[in-house]
Amino acid sequence: MAYAIFKTGGKQYRVAEGDVINVEKLEGEAGGEARFSEVLFVGQGSEIKLGEALKNASVVGEIVAQIKAPKVTAYKFRRRKGYHRTVGHRQKLTRVKITSIGL
């Protein structure tokens, strides 16, 4: 089974066809196409490709949904000063189903 490692949003992901992953938010609606052209590695069985062999390679996926990650809460305080602050954040993500790995 072929798999690939590609880079998007400052992170690297290892995927195979049919995988569903969450990546940093991408533009597009559900049902649209997401194409990742920064492919670092492709492997199939004992055969591997990397570097110049992947100049035109791409990983193609279908956008399943635009979602938000679980809330992350940050709490700051200074002891004995009466200062405290709570800040929450929810990262926007895109759920992508990988449809093909092309060389």
PDB file of N, CA and C in Angstrom:
ATOM      1  N   MET A   1       0.841  -1.182   0.000  1.00  0.00           N
ATOM      2  CA  MET A   1       0.000   0.000   0.000  1.00  0.00           C
ATOM      3  C   MET A   1       0.886   1.245   0.000  1.00  0.00           C
ATOM      4  N   ALA A   2       0.605   2.181  -0.890  1.00  0.00           N
ATOM      5  CA  ALA A   2       1.410   3.391  -1.013  1.00  0.00           C
ATOM      6  C   ALA A   2       1.066   4.372   0.104  1.00  0.00           C
ATOM      7  N   TYR A   3       2.088   5.069   0.561  1.00  0.00           N
ATOM      8  CA  TYR A   3       1.873   6.133   1.536  1.00  0.00           C
ATOM      9  C   TYR A   3       2.793   7.290   1.191  1.00  0.00           C
ATOM     10  N   ALA A   4       2.458   8.449   1.732  1.00  0.00           N
ATOM     11  CA  ALA A   4       3.245   9.649   1.441  1.00  0.00           C
ATOM     12  C   ALA A   4       3.379  10.478   2.705  1.00  0.00           C
ATOM     13  N   ILE A   5       4.433  11.275   2.735  1.00  0.00           N
ATOM     14  CA  ILE A   5       4.619  12.268   3.789  1.00  0.00           C
ATOM     15  C   ILE A   5       4.637  13.615   3.090  1.00  0.00           C
ATOM     16  N   PHE A   6       3.731  14.503   3.510  1.00  0.00           N
ATOM     17  CA  PHE A   6       3.684  15.835   2.918  1.00  0.00           C
ATOM     18  C   PHE A   6       3.638  16.878   4.018  1.00  0.00           C
ATOM     19  N   LYS A   7       3.851  18.136   3.614  1.00  0.00           N
ATOM     20  CA  LYS A   7       3.942  19.236   4.565  1.00  0.00           C
ATOM     21  C   LYS A   7       2.876  20.277   4.251  1.00  0.00           C
ATOM     22  N   THR A   8       2.142  20.696   5.282  1.00  0.00           N
ATOM     23  CA  THR A   8       1.187  21.791   5.152  1.00  0.00           C
ATOM     24  C   THR A   8       0.972  22.412   6.523  1.00  0.00           C
ATOM     25  N   GLY A   9       0.820  23.715   6.558  1.00  0.00           N
ATOM     26  CA  GLY A   9       0.580  24.401   7.822  1.00  0.00           C
ATOM     27  C   GLY A   9       1.709  24.266   8.822  1.00  0.00           C
ATOM     28  N   GLY A  10       2.948  24.073   8.338  1.00  0.00           N
ATOM     29  CA  GLY A  10       4.086  23.960   9.236  1.00  0.00           C
ATOM     30  C   GLY A  10       4.216  22.600   9.892  1.00  0.00           C
ATOM     31  N   LYS A  11       3.410  21.632   9.478  1.00  0.00           N
ATOM     32  CA  LYS A  11       3.465  20.290  10.053  1.00  0.00           C
ATOM     33  C   LYS A  11       3.603  19.267   8.940  1.00  0.00           C
ATOM     34  N   GLN A  12       4.073  18.074   9.291  1.00  0.00           N
ATOM     35  CA  GLN A  12       4.197  16.992   8.324  1.00  0.00           C
ATOM     36  C   GLN A  12       3.216  15.889   8.683  1.00  0.00           C
ATOM     37  N   TYR A  13       2.615  15.285   7.656  1.00  0.00           N
ATOM     38  CA  TYR A  13       1.607  14.253   7.849  1.00  0.00           C
ATOM     39  C   TYR A  13       1.965  13.024   7.021  1.00  0.00           C
ATOM     40  N   ARG A  14       1.787  11.849   7.618  1.00  0.00           N
ATOM     41  CA  ARG A  14       1.976  10.581   6.903  1.00  0.00           C
ATOM     42  C   ARG A  14       0.596  10.045   6.584  1.00  0.00           C
ATOM     43  N   VAL A  15       0.321   9.841   5.289  1.00  0.00           N
ATOM     44  CA  VAL A  15      -1.017   9.431   4.869  1.00  0.00           C
ATOM     45  C   VAL A  15      -0.958   8.325   3.835  1.00  0.00           C
ATOM     46  N   ALA A  16      -2.054   7.596   3.737  1.00  0.00           N
ATOM     47  CA  ALA A  16      -2.274   6.615   2.681  1.00  0.00           C
ATOM     48  C   ALA A  16      -3.639   6.948   2.083  1.00  0.00           C
ATOM     49  N   GLU A  17      -3.964   6.370   0.943  1.00  0.00           N
ATOM     50  CA  GLU A  17      -5.267   6.627   0.327  1.00  0.00           C
ATOM     51  C   GLU A  17      -6.372   6.151   1.251  1.00  0.00           C
ATOM     52  N   GLY A  18      -7.404   6.989   1.393  1.00  0.00           N
ATOM     53  CA  GLY A  18      -8.532   6.655   2.253  1.00  0.00           C
ATOM     54  C   GLY A  18      -8.419   7.205   3.667  1.00  0.00           C
ATOM     55  N   ASP A  19      -7.254   7.712   4.061  1.00  0.00           N
ATOM     56  CA  ASP A  19      -7.091   8.282   5.403  1.00  0.00           C
ATOM     57  C   ASP A  19      -7.862   9.591   5.529  1.00  0.00           C
ATOM     58  N   VAL A  20      -8.354   9.862   6.737  1.00  0.00           N
ATOM     59  CA  VAL A  20      -9.022  11.129   7.039  1.00  0.00           C
ATOM     60  C   VAL A  20      -8.173  11.822   8.096  1.00  0.00           C
ATOM     61  N   ILE A  21      -7.711  13.049   7.795  1.00  0.00           N
ATOM     62  CA  ILE A  21      -6.835  13.780   8.705  1.00  0.00           C
ATOM     63  C   ILE A  21      -7.373  15.182   8.928  1.00  0.00           C
ATOM     64  N   ASN A  22      -6.948  15.794  10.027  1.00  0.00           N
ATOM     65  CA  ASN A  22      -7.260  17.190  10.324  1.00  0.00           C
ATOM     66  C   ASN A  22      -5.994  18.007  10.107  1.00  0.00           C
ATOM     67  N   VAL A  23      -6.086  19.048   9.258  1.00  0.00           N
ATOM     68  CA  VAL A  23      -4.947  19.925   8.983  1.00  0.00           C
ATOM     69  C   VAL A  23      -5.329  21.355   9.324  1.00  0.00           C
ATOM     70  N   GLU A  24      -4.339  22.241   9.374  1.00  0.00           N
ATOM     71  CA  GLU A  24      -4.619  23.661   9.585  1.00  0.00           C
ATOM     72  C   GLU A  24      -5.622  24.133   8.541  1.00  0.00           C
ATOM     73  N   LYS A  25      -6.421  25.127   8.885  1.00  0.00           N
ATOM     74  CA  LYS A  25      -7.520  25.557   8.026  1.00  0.00           C
ATOM     75  C   LYS A  25      -7.076  25.855   6.597  1.00  0.00           C
ATOM     76  N   LEU A  26      -7.816  25.279   5.645  1.00  0.00           N
ATOM     77  CA  LEU A  26      -7.617  25.521   4.218  1.00  0.00           C
ATOM     78  C   LEU A  26      -8.856  26.204   3.671  1.00  0.00           C
ATOM     79  N   GLU A  27      -8.680  27.016   2.646  1.00  0.00           N
ATOM     80  CA  GLU A  27      -9.826  27.652   2.002  1.00  0.00           C
ATOM     81  C   GLU A  27     -10.590  26.607   1.204  1.00  0.00           C
ATOM     82  N   GLY A  28     -11.907  26.710   1.214  1.00  0.00           N
ATOM     83  CA  GLY A  28     -12.724  25.787   0.431  1.00  0.00           C
ATOM     84  C   GLY A  28     -13.901  25.281   1.234  1.00  0.00           C
ATOM     85  N   GLU A  29     -14.908  24.835   0.505  1.00  0.00           N
ATOM     86  CA  GLU A  29     -16.124  24.306   1.116  1.00  0.00           C
ATOM     87  C   GLU A  29     -16.045  22.781   1.190  1.00  0.00           C
ATOM     88  N   ALA A  30     -16.930  22.202   1.981  1.00  0.00           N
ATOM     89  CA  ALA A  30     -17.028  20.744   2.057  1.00  0.00           C
ATOM     90  C   ALA A  30     -17.392  20.207   0.677  1.00  0.00           C
ATOM     91  N   GLY A  31     -16.733  19.154   0.265  1.00  0.00           N
ATOM     92  CA  GLY A  31     -16.933  18.592  -1.066  1.00  0.00           C
ATOM     93  C   GLY A  31     -15.918  19.096  -2.074  1.00  0.00           C
ATOM     94  N   GLY A  32     -15.161  20.122  -1.725  1.00  0.00           N
ATOM     95  CA  GLY A  32     -14.141  20.667  -2.621  1.00  0.00           C
ATOM     96  C   GLY A  32     -12.869  19.841  -2.589  1.00  0.00           C
ATOM     97  N   GLU A  33     -11.909  20.242  -3.409  1.00  0.00           N
ATOM     98  CA  GLU A  33     -10.649  19.511  -3.521  1.00  0.00           C
ATOM     99  C   GLU A  33      -9.536  20.248  -2.792  1.00  0.00           C
ATOM    100  N   ALA A  34      -8.664  19.484  -2.150  1.00  0.00           N
ATOM    101  CA  ALA A  34      -7.464  20.026  -1.515  1.00  0.00           C
ATOM    102  C   ALA A  34      -6.272  19.338  -2.144  1.00  0.00           C
ATOM    103  N   ARG A  35      -5.329  20.114  -2.658  1.00  0.00           N
ATOM    104  CA  ARG A  35      -4.149  19.553  -3.311  1.00  0.00           C
ATOM    105  C   ARG A  35      -2.914  20.007  -2.535  1.00  0.00           C
ATOM    106  N   PHE A  36      -2.078  19.037  -2.149  1.00  0.00           N
ATOM    107  CA  PHE A  36      -0.859  19.309  -1.397  1.00  0.00           C
ATOM    108  C   PHE A  36       0.324  18.990  -2.299  1.00  0.00           C
ATOM    109  N   SER A  37       1.086  20.018  -2.673  1.00  0.00           N
ATOM    110  CA  SER A  37       2.169  19.816  -3.632  1.00  0.00           C
ATOM    111  C   SER A  37       3.540  19.674  -2.967  1.00  0.00           C
ATOM    112  N   GLU A  38       3.635  19.948  -1.685  1.00  0.00           N
ATOM    113  CA  GLU A  38       4.926  19.849  -1.006  1.00  0.00           C
ATOM    114  C   GLU A  38       5.091  18.438  -0.421  1.00  0.00           C
ATOM    115  N   VAL A  39       5.303  17.469  -1.320  1.00  0.00           N
ATOM    116  CA  VAL A  39       5.444  16.057  -0.939  1.00  0.00           C
ATOM    117  C   VAL A  39       6.921  15.789  -0.650  1.00  0.00           C
ATOM    118  N   LEU A  40       7.204  15.199   0.512  1.00  0.00           N
ATOM    119  CA  LEU A  40       8.579  14.961   0.933  1.00  0.00           C
ATOM    120  C   LEU A  40       9.035  13.529   0.702  1.00  0.00           C
ATOM    121  N   PHE A  41       8.088  12.580   0.688  1.00  0.00           N
ATOM    122  CA  PHE A  41       8.452  11.168   0.656  1.00  0.00           C
ATOM    123  C   PHE A  41       7.273  10.362   0.132  1.00  0.00           C
ATOM    124  N   VAL A  42       7.538   9.373  -0.702  1.00  0.00           N
ATOM    125  CA  VAL A  42       6.507   8.433  -1.142  1.00  0.00           C
ATOM    126  C   VAL A  42       7.096   7.033  -1.030  1.00  0.00           C
ATOM    127  N   GLY A  43       6.361   6.142  -0.403  1.00  0.00           N
ATOM    128  CA  GLY A  43       6.825   4.773  -0.239  1.00  0.00           C
ATOM    129  C   GLY A  43       5.754   3.785  -0.661  1.00  0.00           C
ATOM    130  N   GLN A  44       6.190   2.692  -1.292  1.00  0.00           N
ATOM    131  CA  GLN A  44       5.266   1.627  -1.669  1.00  0.00           C
ATOM    132  C   GLN A  44       6.023   0.318  -1.529  1.00  0.00           C
ATOM    133  N   GLY A  45       5.679  -0.435  -0.493  1.00  0.00           N
ATOM    134  CA  GLY A  45       6.426  -1.663  -0.218  1.00  0.00           C
ATOM    135  C   GLY A  45       7.860  -1.326   0.130  1.00  0.00           C
ATOM    136  N   SER A  46       8.822  -1.925  -0.587  1.00  0.00           N
ATOM    137  CA  SER A  46      10.237  -1.648  -0.330  1.00  0.00           C
ATOM    138  C   SER A  46      10.769  -0.532  -1.227  1.00  0.00           C
ATOM    139  N   GLU A  47       9.941  -0.005  -2.119  1.00  0.00           N
ATOM    140  CA  GLU A  47      10.363   1.056  -3.031  1.00  0.00           C
ATOM    141  C   GLU A  47      10.047   2.423  -2.414  1.00  0.00           C
ATOM    142  N   ILE A  48      11.039   3.314  -2.396  1.00  0.00           N
ATOM    143  CA  ILE A  48      10.819   4.655  -1.853  1.00  0.00           C
ATOM    144  C   ILE A  48      11.282   5.699  -2.864  1.00  0.00           C
ATOM    145  N   LYS A  49      10.662   6.869  -2.783  1.00  0.00           N
ATOM    146  CA  LYS A  49      11.064   7.997  -3.628  1.00  0.00           C
ATOM    147  C   LYS A  49      11.115   9.239  -2.747  1.00  0.00           C
ATOM    148  N   LEU A  50      12.158  10.044  -2.967  1.00  0.00           N
ATOM    149  CA  LEU A  50      12.266  11.313  -2.261  1.00  0.00           C
ATOM    150  C   LEU A  50      13.157  12.254  -3.043  1.00  0.00           C
ATOM    151  N   GLY A  51      13.178  13.502  -2.656  1.00  0.00           N
ATOM    152  CA  GLY A  51      14.024  14.497  -3.304  1.00  0.00           C
ATOM    153  C   GLY A  51      13.537  14.892  -4.690  1.00  0.00           C
ATOM    154  N   GLU A  52      14.458  14.908  -5.662  1.00  0.00           N
ATOM    155  CA  GLU A  52      14.156  15.350  -7.031  1.00  0.00           C
ATOM    156  C   GLU A  52      13.103  14.481  -7.722  1.00  0.00           C
ATOM    157  N   ALA A  53      12.987  13.227  -7.343  1.00  0.00           N
ATOM    158  CA  ALA A  53      12.009  12.331  -7.965  1.00  0.00           C
ATOM    159  C   ALA A  53      10.572  12.775  -7.680  1.00  0.00           C
ATOM    160  N   LEU A  54      10.384  13.642  -6.679  1.00  0.00           N
ATOM    161  CA  LEU A  54       9.042  14.077  -6.278  1.00  0.00           C
ATOM    162  C   LEU A  54       8.741  15.515  -6.678  1.00  0.00           C
ATOM    163  N   LYS A  55       9.466  16.037  -7.657  1.00  0.00           N
ATOM    164  CA  LYS A  55       9.288  17.433  -8.056  1.00  0.00           C
ATOM    165  C   LYS A  55       7.856  17.741  -8.476  1.00  0.00           C
ATOM    166  N   ASN A  56       7.204  16.816  -9.189  1.00  0.00           N
ATOM    167  CA  ASN A  56       5.836  17.041  -9.671  1.00  0.00           C
ATOM    168  C   ASN A  56       4.796  16.223  -8.905  1.00  0.00           C
ATOM    169  N   ALA A  57       5.185  15.638  -7.791  1.00  0.00           N
ATOM    170  CA  ALA A  57       4.259  14.802  -7.015  1.00  0.00           C
ATOM    171  C   ALA A  57       3.255  15.663  -6.263  1.00  0.00           C
ATOM    172  N   SER A  58       2.078  15.089  -6.016  1.00  0.00           N
ATOM    173  CA  SER A  58       1.076  15.785  -5.212  1.00  0.00           C
ATOM    174  C   SER A  58       0.179  14.771  -4.519  1.00  0.00           C
ATOM    175  N   VAL A  59      -0.367  15.196  -3.394  1.00  0.00           N
ATOM    176  CA  VAL A  59      -1.347  14.410  -2.658  1.00  0.00           C
ATOM    177  C   VAL A  59      -2.665  15.153  -2.793  1.00  0.00           C
ATOM    178  N   VAL A  60      -3.704  14.444  -3.232  1.00  0.00           N
ATOM    179  CA  VAL A  60      -5.003  15.068  -3.475  1.00  0.00           C
ATOM    180  C   VAL A  60      -6.002  14.512  -2.479  1.00  0.00           C
ATOM    181  N   GLY A  61      -6.820  15.412  -1.941  1.00  0.00           N
ATOM    182  CA  GLY A  61      -7.842  14.993  -0.986  1.00  0.00           C
ATOM    183  C   GLY A  61      -9.134  15.751  -1.199  1.00  0.00           C
ATOM    184  N   GLU A  62     -10.181  15.250  -0.576  1.00  0.00           N
ATOM    185  CA  GLU A  62     -11.493  15.898  -0.624  1.00  0.00           C
ATOM    186  C   GLU A  62     -11.765  16.516   0.732  1.00  0.00           C
ATOM    187  N   ILE A  63     -12.189  17.783   0.743  1.00  0.00           N
ATOM    188  CA  ILE A  63     -12.517  18.458   1.989  1.00  0.00           C
ATOM    189  C   ILE A  63     -13.821  17.876   2.514  1.00  0.00           C
ATOM    190  N   VAL A  64     -13.767  17.303   3.713  1.00  0.00           N
ATOM    191  CA  VAL A  64     -14.947  16.699   4.321  1.00  0.00           C
ATOM    192  C   VAL A  64     -15.718  17.737   5.123  1.00  0.00           C
ATOM    193  N   ALA A  65     -15.001  18.542   5.926  1.00  0.00           N
ATOM    194  CA  ALA A  65     -15.677  19.536   6.774  1.00  0.00           C
ATOM    195  C   ALA A  65     -14.683  20.571   7.259  1.00  0.00           C
ATOM    196  N   GLN A  66     -15.202  21.741   7.598  1.00  0.00           N
ATOM    197  CA  GLN A  66     -14.436  22.774   8.294  1.00  0.00           C
ATOM    198  C   GLN A  66     -14.845  22.675   9.763  1.00  0.00           C
ATOM    199  N   ILE A  67     -13.889  22.403  10.650  1.00  0.00           N
ATOM    200  CA  ILE A  67     -14.213  22.149  12.049  1.00  0.00           C
ATOM    201  C   ILE A  67     -13.341  23.002  12.962  1.00  0.00           C
ATOM    202  N   LYS A  68     -13.598  22.909  14.271  1.00  0.00           N
ATOM    203  CA  LYS A  68     -12.759  23.552  15.275  1.00  0.00           C
ATOM    204  C   LYS A  68     -12.239  22.489  16.231  1.00  0.00           C
ATOM    205  N   ALA A  69     -11.003  22.659  16.666  1.00  0.00           N
ATOM    206  CA  ALA A  69     -10.394  21.742  17.627  1.00  0.00           C
ATOM    207  C   ALA A  69     -11.019  21.968  19.005  1.00  0.00           C
ATOM    208  N   PRO A  70     -10.807  21.050  19.933  1.00  0.00           N
ATOM    209  CA  PRO A  70     -11.289  21.277  21.303  1.00  0.00           C
ATOM    210  C   PRO A  70     -10.659  22.528  21.900  1.00  0.00           C
ATOM    211  N   LYS A  71     -11.357  23.125  22.851  1.00  0.00           N
ATOM    212  CA  LYS A  71     -10.889  24.367  23.445  1.00  0.00           C
ATOM    213  C   LYS A  71      -9.639  24.145  24.291  1.00  0.00           C
ATOM    214  N   VAL A  72      -8.690  25.058  24.128  1.00  0.00           N
ATOM    215  CA  VAL A  72      -7.477  25.064  24.942  1.00  0.00           C
ATOM    216  C   VAL A  72      -7.587  26.257  25.870  1.00  0.00           C
ATOM    217  N   THR A  73      -7.443  26.019  27.176  1.00  0.00           N
ATOM    218  CA  THR A  73      -7.584  27.083  28.161  1.00  0.00           C
ATOM    219  C   THR A  73      -6.223  27.434  28.731  1.00  0.00           C
ATOM    220  N   ALA A  74      -5.891  28.721  28.714  1.00  0.00           N
ATOM    221  CA  ALA A  74      -4.651  29.204  29.325  1.00  0.00           C
ATOM    222  C   ALA A  74      -5.032  30.043  30.540  1.00  0.00           C
ATOM    223  N   TYR A  75      -4.365  29.830  31.653  1.00  0.00           N
ATOM    224  CA  TYR A  75      -4.675  30.536  32.886  1.00  0.00           C
ATOM    225  C   TYR A  75      -3.394  31.163  33.414  1.00  0.00           C
ATOM    226  N   LYS A  76      -3.422  32.474  33.612  1.00  0.00           N
ATOM    227  CA  LYS A  76      -2.260  33.194  34.137  1.00  0.00           C
ATOM    228  C   LYS A  76      -2.612  33.745  35.514  1.00  0.00           C
ATOM    229  N   PHE A  77      -1.636  33.780  36.403  1.00  0.00           N
ATOM    230  CA  PHE A  77      -1.868  34.452  37.671  1.00  0.00           C
ATOM    231  C   PHE A  77      -0.546  34.870  38.286  1.00  0.00           C
ATOM    232  N   ARG A  78      -0.617  35.855  39.164  1.00  0.00           N
ATOM    233  CA  ARG A  78       0.528  36.296  39.952  1.00  0.00           C
ATOM    234  C   ARG A  78       0.169  36.065  41.413  1.00  0.00           C
ATOM    235  N   ARG A  79       0.967  35.300  42.082  1.00  0.00           N
ATOM    236  CA  ARG A  79       0.635  34.978  43.462  1.00  0.00           C
ATOM    237  C   ARG A  79       0.647  36.218  44.348  1.00  0.00           C
ATOM    238  N   ARG A  80      -0.286  36.265  45.247  1.00  0.00           N
ATOM    239  CA  ARG A  80      -0.438  37.332  46.251  1.00  0.00           C
ATOM    240  C   ARG A  80      -0.740  38.700  45.663  1.00  0.00           C
ATOM    241  N   LYS A  81      -1.028  38.836  44.393  1.00  0.00           N
ATOM    242  CA  LYS A  81      -1.269  40.139  43.773  1.00  0.00           C
ATOM    243  C   LYS A  81      -2.724  40.318  43.359  1.00  0.00           C
ATOM    244  N   GLY A  82      -3.508  39.274  43.432  1.00  0.00           N
ATOM    245  CA  GLY A  82      -4.914  39.377  43.037  1.00  0.00           C
ATOM    246  C   GLY A  82      -5.104  39.407  41.527  1.00  0.00           C
ATOM    247  N   TYR A  83      -4.076  39.047  40.770  1.00  0.00           N
ATOM    248  CA  TYR A  83      -4.155  39.072  39.311  1.00  0.00           C
ATOM    249  C   TYR A  83      -4.372  37.649  38.796  1.00  0.00           C
ATOM    250  N   HIS A  84      -5.386  37.484  37.986  1.00  0.00           N
ATOM    251  CA  HIS A  84      -5.580  36.220  37.281  1.00  0.00           C
ATOM    252  C   HIS A  84      -6.354  36.490  36.006  1.00  0.00           C
ATOM    253  N   ARG A  85      -6.046  35.716  34.988  1.00  0.00           N
ATOM    254  CA  ARG A  85      -6.671  35.902  33.686  1.00  0.00           C
ATOM    255  C   ARG A  85      -6.830  34.544  33.014  1.00  0.00           C
ATOM    256  N   THR A  86      -7.997  34.300  32.455  1.00  0.00           N
ATOM    257  CA  THR A  86      -8.280  33.070  31.734  1.00  0.00           C
ATOM    258  C   THR A  86      -8.521  33.414  30.275  1.00  0.00           C
ATOM    259  N   VAL A  87      -7.859  32.703  29.390  1.00  0.00           N
ATOM    260  CA  VAL A  87      -8.010  32.918  27.956  1.00  0.00           C
ATOM    261  C   VAL A  87      -8.275  31.571  27.303  1.00  0.00           C
ATOM    262  N   GLY A  88      -9.265  31.512  26.412  1.00  0.00           N
ATOM    263  CA  GLY A  88      -9.562  30.274  25.690  1.00  0.00           C
ATOM    264  C   GLY A  88      -9.289  30.451  24.202  1.00  0.00           C
ATOM    265  N   HIS A  89      -9.032  29.343  23.528  1.00  0.00           N
ATOM    266  CA  HIS A  89      -8.749  29.389  22.090  1.00  0.00           C
ATOM    267  C   HIS A  89      -9.196  28.086  21.450  1.00  0.00           C
ATOM    268  N   ARG A  90      -9.840  28.179  20.287  1.00  0.00           N
ATOM    269  CA  ARG A  90     -10.199  26.995  19.499  1.00  0.00           C
ATOM    270  C   ARG A  90      -9.604  27.157  18.116  1.00  0.00           C
ATOM    271  N   GLN A  91      -8.689  26.264  17.762  1.00  0.00           N
ATOM    272  CA  GLN A  91      -8.020  26.317  16.466  1.00  0.00           C
ATOM    273  C   GLN A  91      -8.971  25.872  15.363  1.00  0.00           C
ATOM    274  N   LYS A  92      -8.980  26.581  14.246  1.00  0.00           N
ATOM    275  CA  LYS A  92      -9.793  26.187  13.094  1.00  0.00           C
ATOM    276  C   LYS A  92      -9.037  25.142  12.279  1.00  0.00           C
ATOM    277  N   LEU A  93      -9.724  24.063  11.935  1.00  0.00           N
ATOM    278  CA  LEU A  93      -9.122  22.949  11.210  1.00  0.00           C
ATOM    279  C   LEU A  93      -9.969  22.587  10.000  1.00  0.00           C
ATOM    280  N   THR A  94      -9.362  21.878   9.083  1.00  0.00           N
ATOM    281  CA  THR A  94     -10.068  21.337   7.931  1.00  0.00           C
ATOM    282  C   THR A  94      -9.875  19.827   7.948  1.00  0.00           C
ATOM    283  N   ARG A  95     -10.972  19.079   7.864  1.00  0.00           N
ATOM    284  CA  ARG A  95     -10.911  17.614   7.812  1.00  0.00           C
ATOM    285  C   ARG A  95     -10.854  17.209   6.343  1.00  0.00           C
ATOM    286  N   VAL A  96      -9.814  16.462   5.985  1.00  0.00           N
ATOM    287  CA  VAL A  96      -9.553  16.090   4.603  1.00  0.00           C
ATOM    288  C   VAL A  96      -9.470  14.567   4.482  1.00  0.00           C
ATOM    289  N   LYS A  97     -10.139  14.006   3.458  1.00  0.00           N
ATOM    290  CA  LYS A  97     -10.028  12.584   3.146  1.00  0.00           C
ATOM    291  C   LYS A  97      -9.116  12.452   1.929  1.00  0.00           C
ATOM    292  N   ILE A  98      -8.032  11.708   2.074  1.00  0.00           N
ATOM    293  CA  ILE A  98      -7.046  11.546   1.003  1.00  0.00           C
ATOM    294  C   ILE A  98      -7.604  10.623  -0.065  1.00  0.00           C
ATOM    295  N   THR A  99      -7.629  11.128  -1.322  1.00  0.00           N
ATOM    296  CA  THR A  99      -8.189  10.343  -2.420  1.00  0.00           C
ATOM    297  C   THR A  99      -7.112   9.724  -3.313  1.00  0.00           C
ATOM    298  N   SER A 100      -5.990  10.431  -3.505  1.00  0.00           N
ATOM    299  CA  SER A 100      -4.939   9.851  -4.356  1.00  0.00           C
ATOM    300  C   SER A 100      -3.570  10.428  -4.027  1.00  0.00           C
ATOM    301  N   ILE A 101      -2.559   9.626  -4.320  1.00  0.00           N
ATOM    302  CA  ILE A 101      -1.161  10.039  -4.188  1.00  0.00           C
ATOM    303  C   ILE A 101      -0.559   9.918  -5.573  1.00  0.00           C
ATOM    304  N   GLY A 102      -0.252  11.049  -6.180  1.00  0.00           N
ATOM    305  CA  GLY A 102       0.232  11.049  -7.561  1.00  0.00           C
ATOM    306  C   GLY A 102       1.699  11.391  -7.667  1.00  0.00           C
ATOM    307  N   LEU A 103       2.379  10.698  -8.588  1.00  0.00           N
ATOM    308  CA  LEU A 103       3.784  10.993  -8.881  1.00  0.00           C
ATOM    309  C   LEU A 103       3.819  11.686 -10.186  1.00  0.00           C
TER     310      LEU A 103
END
